[in-house]
Amino acid sequence: MRRISTNSEFEKAVGYSRAVVDDDYVHVSGTTGFDYETMTISEDVVEQAHQAFGNIARTLAAARVSFADLVRVTYYIADADDYEALMPVFKQYLGPNPPAATALIAQLVDPRMKIEIEATARRPSPNRGMPQGEE
């Protein structure tokens, strides 16, 4: 098992990893629209979503996977009225290889946060999907 950190203040304060690589799977924890280098966050939900996907992309790259390898995402959205504005952002990043997805309306731990995204990817295997006996 390998743990991946972005060294965000949240990870340090709470004691969690941005992602855990466990055999074939990469589990990315809830990721928000904070820029972890500056610890700033936009007030705009669409900008937060783009930043969150950028944070997730960097984390997936550190695990040697990409959005194409995602099998599940869960969106936590603070305001149901924001969902329609977020749909094109979700499609932009995940539309070419859509994972299973769930969206929930939730009160997030920081009132500045308007969206949080968690994801699970399956690492590619050269023999996965081959008919039995052809490996």
Protein backbone atom coordinates (compact mmCIF):
# COMPACT_ATOMS: atom_id res chain seq x y z
CA MET A 1 0.00 0.00 0.00
CA ARG A 2 1.23 3.52 -0.83
CA ARG A 3 -0.08 6.83 0.51
CA ILE A 4 -0.08 10.03 -1.57
CA SER A 5 -0.15 13.47 0.04
CA THR A 6 -0.50 16.98 -1.36
CA ASN A 7 0.83 18.34 1.95
CA SER A 8 -2.30 20.45 2.34
CA GLU A 9 -2.99 22.04 5.70
CA PHE A 10 -6.13 19.87 5.91
CA GLU A 11 -4.18 16.62 5.53
CA LYS A 12 -1.71 17.72 8.21
CA ALA A 13 -4.36 18.93 10.66
CA VAL A 14 -6.72 15.98 10.35
CA GLY A 15 -4.27 13.18 9.58
CA TYR A 16 -5.33 11.67 6.26
CA SER A 17 -3.87 11.00 2.82
CA ARG A 18 -5.08 12.60 -0.41
CA ALA A 19 -5.03 9.10 -1.88
CA VAL A 20 -4.18 5.53 -1.01
CA VAL A 21 -2.95 3.10 -3.65
CA ASP A 22 -4.01 -0.40 -2.65
CA ASP A 23 -3.14 -3.11 -5.18
CA ASP A 24 -5.32 -2.42 -8.24
CA TYR A 25 -7.21 0.55 -6.79
CA VAL A 26 -6.48 4.20 -6.11
CA HIS A 27 -8.80 5.76 -3.52
CA VAL A 28 -8.81 9.57 -3.70
CA SER A 29 -10.23 11.25 -0.62
CA GLY A 30 -12.69 14.09 -0.74
CA THR A 31 -10.99 16.87 -2.69
CA THR A 32 -12.21 20.44 -2.70
CA GLY A 33 -11.55 23.57 -4.72
CA PHE A 34 -8.73 24.81 -2.52
CA ASP A 35 -5.43 25.62 -4.17
CA TYR A 36 -3.31 23.64 -1.70
CA GLU A 37 -0.15 25.64 -2.41
CA THR A 38 -1.71 28.99 -1.48
CA MET A 39 -4.58 27.63 0.66
CA THR A 40 -6.99 29.92 -1.20
CA ILE A 41 -10.38 29.07 -2.64
CA SER A 42 -12.60 30.86 -5.15
CA GLU A 43 -16.10 31.92 -4.19
CA ASP A 44 -17.38 30.59 -7.53
CA VAL A 45 -18.61 26.96 -7.50
CA VAL A 46 -17.56 26.32 -11.12
CA GLU A 47 -14.03 27.58 -10.44
CA GLN A 48 -13.95 25.41 -7.31
CA ALA A 49 -14.92 22.37 -9.37
CA HIS A 50 -12.17 23.05 -11.94
CA GLN A 51 -9.62 23.43 -9.12
CA ALA A 52 -10.85 20.22 -7.46
CA PHE A 53 -10.49 18.30 -10.73
CA GLY A 54 -7.00 19.78 -11.17
CA ASN A 55 -6.10 18.61 -7.65
CA ILE A 56 -7.49 15.16 -8.44
CA ALA A 57 -5.62 15.00 -11.77
CA ARG A 58 -2.29 15.67 -10.03
CA THR A 59 -3.08 13.03 -7.41
CA LEU A 60 -4.05 10.46 -10.05
CA ALA A 61 -0.86 11.20 -11.99
CA ALA A 62 1.19 10.56 -8.83
CA ALA A 63 -0.52 7.14 -8.69
CA ARG A 64 0.17 6.60 -12.42
CA VAL A 65 -3.51 6.62 -13.43
CA SER A 66 -5.81 9.19 -15.06
CA PHE A 67 -9.44 10.22 -15.32
CA ALA A 68 -9.87 7.40 -17.86
CA ASP A 69 -9.19 4.91 -15.06
CA LEU A 70 -11.89 6.21 -12.70
CA VAL A 71 -14.55 3.67 -11.83
CA ARG A 72 -16.53 5.78 -9.33
CA VAL A 73 -16.91 9.40 -8.26
CA THR A 74 -19.02 10.95 -5.55
CA TYR A 75 -19.87 14.64 -5.63
CA TYR A 76 -20.77 16.42 -2.40
CA ILE A 77 -22.45 19.72 -3.27
CA ALA A 78 -23.36 22.30 -0.64
CA ASP A 79 -26.24 23.87 -2.60
CA ALA A 80 -28.59 21.88 -4.86
CA ASP A 81 -29.06 24.99 -7.01
CA ASP A 82 -25.40 24.68 -8.12
CA TYR A 83 -25.82 21.22 -9.67
CA GLU A 84 -26.94 22.44 -13.09
CA ALA A 85 -23.93 24.78 -13.39
CA LEU A 86 -21.61 21.92 -12.39
CA MET A 87 -22.90 19.34 -14.88
CA PRO A 88 -20.82 20.66 -17.84
CA VAL A 89 -17.69 20.66 -15.65
CA PHE A 90 -18.26 17.01 -14.70
CA LYS A 91 -18.76 16.13 -18.34
CA GLN A 92 -15.64 18.05 -19.41
CA TYR A 93 -13.38 15.95 -17.19
CA LEU A 94 -15.20 12.62 -17.10
CA GLY A 95 -17.43 12.52 -20.19
CA PRO A 96 -15.00 10.65 -22.48
CA ASN A 97 -14.76 7.78 -19.93
CA PRO A 98 -17.74 8.15 -17.60
CA PRO A 99 -17.40 6.40 -14.24
CA ALA A 100 -20.27 5.43 -11.98
CA ALA A 101 -21.28 8.62 -10.17
CA THR A 102 -23.39 9.84 -7.29
CA ALA A 103 -24.18 13.42 -6.31
CA LEU A 104 -25.24 14.31 -2.79
CA ILE A 105 -26.28 17.57 -1.22
CA ALA A 106 -24.30 17.98 1.98
CA GLN A 107 -23.13 20.52 4.50
CA LEU A 108 -19.36 20.68 4.00
CA VAL A 109 -16.93 21.24 6.88
CA ASP A 110 -15.86 24.73 5.77
CA PRO A 111 -18.54 27.19 4.63
CA ARG A 112 -16.25 28.43 1.82
CA MET A 113 -16.35 24.96 0.23
CA LYS A 114 -19.14 24.51 -2.30
CA ILE A 115 -18.11 21.13 -3.74
CA GLU A 116 -16.06 18.14 -2.65
CA ILE A 117 -15.25 15.18 -4.91
CA GLU A 118 -14.01 11.72 -4.00
CA ALA A 119 -12.95 9.20 -6.58
CA THR A 120 -11.79 5.63 -7.06
CA ALA A 121 -9.63 4.52 -9.97
CA ARG A 122 -8.62 1.05 -11.05
CA ARG A 123 -5.02 0.74 -12.14
CA PRO A 124 -4.56 -0.68 -15.63
CA SER A 125 -3.17 -4.16 -15.90
CA PRO A 126 -1.71 -5.45 -19.15
CA ASN A 127 -3.56 -8.76 -18.80
CA ARG A 128 -6.89 -7.48 -17.46
CA GLY A 129 -9.78 -8.15 -19.77
CA MET A 130 -8.00 -10.94 -21.64
CA PRO A 131 -9.98 -14.14 -22.08
CA GLN A 132 -8.91 -16.82 -19.64
CA GLY A 133 -5.96 -18.84 -20.91
CA GLU A 134 -4.61 -15.98 -23.08
CA GLU A 135 -2.63 -14.19 -20.37
